[in-house]
Structure formats: C-alpha cells, structure tokens
Amino acid sequence: MKLLSVNLGRAEAAPYADAPGGVTGIDKRPVDGPVRVSAPGPKGIGGSGLADDAVCKLEHHGGDDQAVYAMAREDMDEWERELGRTLADGAFGENLTTRGLDVSGALIGERWRVGPEVVLEVTSGRIPCRTFQGHLGEKGWVKRFTQRGAPGAYLRVIVPGEIRAGDAVEIVHRPAHDVTVALQFRAVTTERTLLPRLLAAGEALHPELLRTAREYEEKYGA
C-alpha cells in the first residue's frame, strides 16, 4: 500500500463553480517534494489539511473532519475504462491517490500511517456535487458516481507531519465494527434506512453524519 501522488489545487475561476467569486480548487495536480499535513481548524473556518491546497467553499468543504480526501487509483482505473478517457491522479479532486488500499472499503475510524510521521483517521465518504460534475464534464455524473458507491474517503489529521509521493501507507488501527465508507455513503444517499447502523462507528464518524443518524433513529427507530 502506497501513496502514488500528493495533489494540490489552487483557486481558479470556473463556470461550474458555486463558491463565492465563482472559483474552485477542485482541479488538483500532483506535486513533487514534501507537503505539510495538519488539522486545519473547524469546518467553516479551516480549509484543507494540506499546505498550499485551496478549498473555496468552506461551508461544505474542508475543516478538521474533511481535512484530507483520498481516492484509490484502482477505482479511478475502473472509471477510465468505463468513460473511455484518461484520468490523471488528482482528477477527482483528491489530495491523496493511493495504490493497494481499499479506500471505500475502509472502516470509519480506521487509521492510516502515511510515511514516517502522519496518521490520518477515516471519517466519511465524499458526496458528489455540481462542481465535481462540471469539472469532470460528464453528463449525469453525480448520479453515476453515486450509483457506483465507491466515493473515496475523507480523513482527519491525528498526527501532523510531512508526506510525499511514494510514501508507504500502513493501516495502524481498525475499529471493532463493520461501518465502512461505502456503507456510510449508501446510508446518506440511496438507502436511508441504513442510517442507524452508522451509530456503531460512534464519535469517529463525521459529526454531521453522526447527528443525522441519531435524528433518524429517534424518529424512525433502528
């Protein structure tokens, strides 16, 4: 398991951007050399966990519980075959493109050591949006991405430090439940009746999703 690339974006104007000023940082590109990773601060205030990576719509993106976004190269390769086009590392707006790691099959609360220092914790899957669809330029992309159910993972920073392309990725903790990123994604998109199952992940789950799951259980039961 390794890190194929570390990808950063800069704020750029785009016709499909819905952030203030019509800019987006979704077009992320691989960079050489080390990149500092640290907790960016609360959502709405903090942006990306990677230094020099732009997050433009802070009310929906970035913050401590969505500090880093990872995508498996294997999933992107499947999309390449289906779409009939090349998808470079970073094409999905991911900060980390991995090889040999089942990102969407990771457990909520699973911890990864990336390189010698950094430890990250899985919090949730990525929900596709209009900006993502505009960036890819694929008709019906939000629906297609949702139906595939392999969204990649958001992570929070447990131990800060530096990472770079080629770093090893090691799973250093797997919690004792069965709530995967893929399950969590289905619960909040296509199968809402799964929401009570997310409670098994506890405080490791993104706090907004934890609140949604608790509210659903209170209203409808397990």
Protein backbone atom coordinates (compact mmCIF):
# COMPACT_ATOMS: atom_id res chain seq x y z
CA MET A 1 0.00 0.00 0.00
CA LYS A 2 1.47 3.30 -1.01
CA LEU A 3 0.83 6.90 -1.92
CA LEU A 4 1.04 7.35 -5.69
CA SER A 5 0.71 11.12 -5.58
CA VAL A 6 0.00 14.11 -3.37
CA ASN A 7 -2.30 16.53 -5.20
CA LEU A 8 -2.87 20.22 -4.52
CA GLY A 9 -5.25 22.71 -6.09
CA ARG A 10 -5.30 26.47 -6.41
CA ALA A 11 -8.33 28.72 -6.54
CA GLU A 12 -9.33 29.19 -10.17
CA ALA A 13 -12.39 30.67 -11.85
CA ALA A 14 -14.70 28.14 -13.47
CA PRO A 15 -18.21 28.44 -14.93
CA TYR A 16 -19.41 25.48 -12.85
CA ALA A 17 -18.04 26.74 -9.51
CA ASP A 18 -20.66 27.67 -6.93
CA ALA A 19 -18.31 29.13 -4.31
CA PRO A 20 -18.23 32.90 -3.70
CA GLY A 21 -16.43 34.59 -6.56
CA GLY A 22 -17.03 31.64 -8.88
CA VAL A 23 -13.76 29.92 -8.00
CA THR A 24 -12.90 26.34 -7.12
CA GLY A 25 -9.84 24.36 -6.04
CA ILE A 26 -11.11 21.02 -7.37
CA ASP A 27 -8.54 20.83 -10.18
CA LYS A 28 -5.76 19.25 -8.13
CA ARG A 29 -2.38 18.32 -9.60
CA PRO A 30 0.43 16.08 -8.33
CA VAL A 31 3.35 17.90 -6.71
CA ASP A 32 6.94 16.96 -6.07
CA GLY A 33 8.60 17.11 -2.69
CA PRO A 34 7.16 17.02 0.82
CA VAL A 35 3.81 18.55 1.73
CA ARG A 36 2.91 19.57 5.28
CA VAL A 37 -0.27 17.99 6.67
CA SER A 38 -2.02 19.33 9.77
CA ALA A 39 -5.50 19.85 11.20
CA PRO A 40 -6.90 22.98 9.51
CA GLY A 41 -9.49 24.01 12.12
CA PRO A 42 -13.29 23.74 12.36
CA LYS A 43 -15.46 23.44 9.28
CA GLY A 44 -16.47 26.84 8.01
CA ILE A 45 -13.17 28.32 9.15
CA GLY A 46 -10.47 25.79 8.30
CA GLY A 47 -9.80 24.68 4.75
CA SER A 48 -7.56 21.85 3.57
CA GLY A 49 -5.27 19.86 5.82
CA LEU A 50 -2.55 20.10 3.18
CA ALA A 51 -0.42 23.22 3.00
CA ASP A 52 -1.00 25.35 -0.12
CA ASP A 53 -4.13 23.42 -1.14
CA ALA A 54 -7.14 25.63 -1.92
CA VAL A 55 -10.61 24.99 -0.52
CA CYS A 56 -13.02 27.65 -1.75
CA LYS A 57 -16.44 26.80 -0.29
CA LEU A 58 -15.72 26.42 3.40
CA GLU A 59 -19.31 25.82 4.48
CA HIS A 60 -19.30 22.49 2.62
CA HIS A 61 -15.65 21.53 2.23
CA GLY A 62 -12.55 21.34 4.40
CA GLY A 63 -12.28 21.59 8.15
CA ASP A 64 -10.89 19.12 10.67
CA ASP A 65 -13.24 16.25 9.75
CA GLN A 66 -12.71 16.64 5.99
CA ALA A 67 -9.08 17.70 6.10
CA VAL A 68 -7.81 15.22 3.51
CA TYR A 69 -9.57 13.43 0.65
CA ALA A 70 -8.19 10.10 -0.60
CA MET A 71 -9.11 8.10 -3.69
CA ALA A 72 -7.95 4.65 -4.76
CA ARG A 73 -6.18 4.52 -8.11
CA GLU A 74 -7.91 1.19 -8.71
CA ASP A 75 -11.33 2.88 -8.62
CA MET A 76 -10.14 5.60 -10.96
CA ASP A 77 -8.80 2.95 -13.36
CA GLU A 78 -12.28 1.39 -13.47
CA TRP A 79 -13.76 4.77 -14.31
CA GLU A 80 -11.14 5.23 -17.05
CA ARG A 81 -12.32 2.02 -18.70
CA GLU A 82 -15.99 2.97 -18.38
CA LEU A 83 -15.58 6.56 -19.56
CA GLY A 84 -13.03 5.77 -22.26
CA ARG A 85 -10.69 8.57 -21.20
CA THR A 86 -7.57 9.12 -19.13
CA LEU A 87 -7.98 10.29 -15.55
CA ALA A 88 -4.79 11.70 -14.10
CA ASP A 89 -4.02 11.46 -10.39
CA GLY A 90 -5.95 14.29 -8.74
CA ALA A 91 -8.68 14.29 -11.42
CA PHE A 92 -11.38 13.61 -8.83
CA GLY A 93 -10.15 16.47 -6.67
CA GLU A 94 -8.45 14.06 -4.29
CA ASN A 95 -5.44 15.07 -2.21
CA LEU A 96 -4.08 11.52 -1.99
CA THR A 97 -4.13 8.98 -4.79
CA THR A 98 -3.36 5.55 -3.35
CA ARG A 99 -2.39 2.14 -4.69
CA GLY A 100 -3.16 -1.17 -2.95
CA LEU A 101 -5.58 0.32 -0.41
CA ASP A 102 -9.34 -0.32 -0.40
CA VAL A 103 -10.28 3.27 0.37
CA SER A 104 -14.06 2.96 0.05
CA GLY A 105 -13.93 -0.31 1.98
CA ALA A 106 -12.09 1.32 4.88
CA LEU A 107 -13.83 1.39 8.25
CA ILE A 108 -14.96 4.65 9.77
CA GLY A 109 -12.34 5.33 12.45
CA GLU A 110 -9.67 3.32 10.66
CA ARG A 111 -6.26 4.94 11.00
CA TRP A 112 -3.51 5.08 8.41
CA ARG A 113 0.13 5.99 8.86
CA VAL A 114 1.34 7.75 5.73
CA GLY A 115 5.11 7.99 5.55
CA PRO A 116 7.10 8.04 8.78
CA GLU A 117 5.04 10.67 10.65
CA VAL A 118 1.49 11.38 9.57
CA VAL A 119 -1.51 9.49 10.98
CA LEU A 120 -4.94 10.02 9.42
CA GLU A 121 -8.38 8.76 10.51
CA VAL A 122 -11.26 7.90 8.17
CA THR A 123 -14.43 9.93 8.86
CA SER A 124 -16.78 9.62 5.87
CA GLY A 125 -17.18 9.30 2.12
CA ARG A 126 -17.25 12.11 -0.41
CA ILE A 127 -20.69 13.25 -1.61
CA PRO A 128 -20.61 14.33 -5.29
CA CYS A 129 -21.73 17.83 -6.17
CA ARG A 130 -22.42 20.06 -9.17
CA THR A 131 -18.86 21.39 -9.15
CA PHE A 132 -17.50 17.84 -9.36
CA GLN A 133 -19.77 17.13 -12.33
CA GLY A 134 -18.76 20.34 -14.06
CA HIS A 135 -15.08 19.60 -13.50
CA LEU A 136 -15.35 16.11 -15.00
CA GLY A 137 -17.60 17.28 -17.82
CA GLU A 138 -19.61 14.06 -17.77
CA LYS A 139 -23.39 14.17 -18.21
CA GLY A 140 -25.26 12.73 -15.24
CA TRP A 141 -22.02 12.35 -13.31
CA VAL A 142 -23.48 12.91 -9.83
CA LYS A 143 -25.97 10.08 -10.37
CA ARG A 144 -23.40 7.75 -11.91
CA PHE A 145 -20.84 8.36 -9.18
CA THR A 146 -23.50 7.80 -6.51
CA GLN A 147 -24.69 4.56 -8.08
CA ARG A 148 -21.13 3.19 -8.19
CA GLY A 149 -20.87 3.67 -4.41
CA ALA A 150 -17.08 3.94 -4.25
CA PRO A 151 -16.69 7.57 -3.13
CA GLY A 152 -13.22 7.61 -1.62
CA ALA A 153 -12.67 8.79 1.93
CA TYR A 154 -12.36 11.97 3.91
CA LEU A 155 -9.88 11.86 6.78
CA ARG A 156 -8.98 13.91 9.82
CA VAL A 157 -5.38 14.51 10.90
CA ILE A 158 -4.41 12.70 14.11
CA VAL A 159 -0.65 13.21 13.90
CA PRO A 160 0.65 16.02 11.68
CA GLY A 161 3.82 15.92 9.61
CA GLU A 162 5.07 15.73 6.05
CA ILE A 163 4.11 13.35 3.26
CA ARG A 164 5.25 12.86 -0.31
CA ALA A 165 4.55 10.67 -3.33
CA GLY A 166 5.92 7.17 -2.86
CA ASP A 167 5.33 7.06 0.90
CA ALA A 168 4.13 3.77 2.33
CA VAL A 169 0.60 3.63 3.74
CA GLU A 170 0.03 1.34 6.72
CA ILE A 171 -3.24 0.58 8.48
CA VAL A 172 -2.36 1.01 12.15
CA HIS A 173 -5.84 0.70 13.68
CA ARG A 174 -9.09 -0.98 12.64
CA PRO A 175 -12.08 -0.43 14.92
CA ALA A 176 -14.35 -3.25 16.07
CA HIS A 177 -17.41 -2.50 13.93
CA ASP A 178 -18.47 -3.05 10.31
CA VAL A 179 -19.28 0.50 9.21
CA THR A 180 -17.32 1.08 6.03
CA VAL A 181 -17.09 4.24 3.97
CA ALA A 182 -19.18 2.52 1.28
CA LEU A 183 -21.91 1.64 3.81
CA GLN A 184 -21.93 5.16 5.21
CA PHE A 185 -22.20 6.58 1.69
CA ARG A 186 -25.18 4.38 0.83
CA ALA A 187 -26.86 5.33 4.11
CA VAL A 188 -26.79 9.04 3.33
CA THR A 189 -27.55 8.78 -0.40
CA THR A 190 -29.59 5.81 -1.63
CA GLU A 191 -30.51 3.69 1.43
CA ARG A 192 -31.52 5.96 4.30
CA THR A 193 -32.79 3.01 6.34
CA LEU A 194 -29.13 2.11 6.93
CA LEU A 195 -28.54 5.29 8.94
CA PRO A 196 -28.95 3.68 12.40
CA ARG A 197 -26.14 1.25 11.55
CA LEU A 198 -23.74 4.17 11.37
CA LEU A 199 -24.07 4.73 15.12
CA ALA A 200 -21.75 1.77 15.72
CA ALA A 201 -18.88 3.97 14.48
CA GLY A 202 -19.50 6.44 17.31
CA GLU A 203 -17.50 9.64 17.56
CA ALA A 204 -15.15 8.58 14.78
CA LEU A 205 -17.93 9.32 12.29
CA HIS A 206 -18.08 12.82 10.82
CA PRO A 207 -20.09 14.77 13.44
CA GLU A 208 -22.69 15.99 10.94
CA LEU A 209 -23.41 12.41 9.88
CA LEU A 210 -23.48 11.20 13.47
CA ARG A 211 -26.12 13.80 14.23
CA THR A 212 -28.13 12.77 11.15
CA ALA A 213 -28.00 9.10 12.16
CA ARG A 214 -29.12 9.88 15.71
CA GLU A 215 -32.00 12.03 14.49
CA TYR A 216 -33.13 9.32 12.10
CA GLU A 217 -33.07 6.67 14.83
CA GLU A 218 -35.01 8.92 17.21
CA LYS A 219 -37.67 9.49 14.56
CA TYR A 220 -37.95 6.07 12.96
CA GLY A 221 -36.16 3.63 15.29
CA ALA A 222 -33.37 1.25 14.44
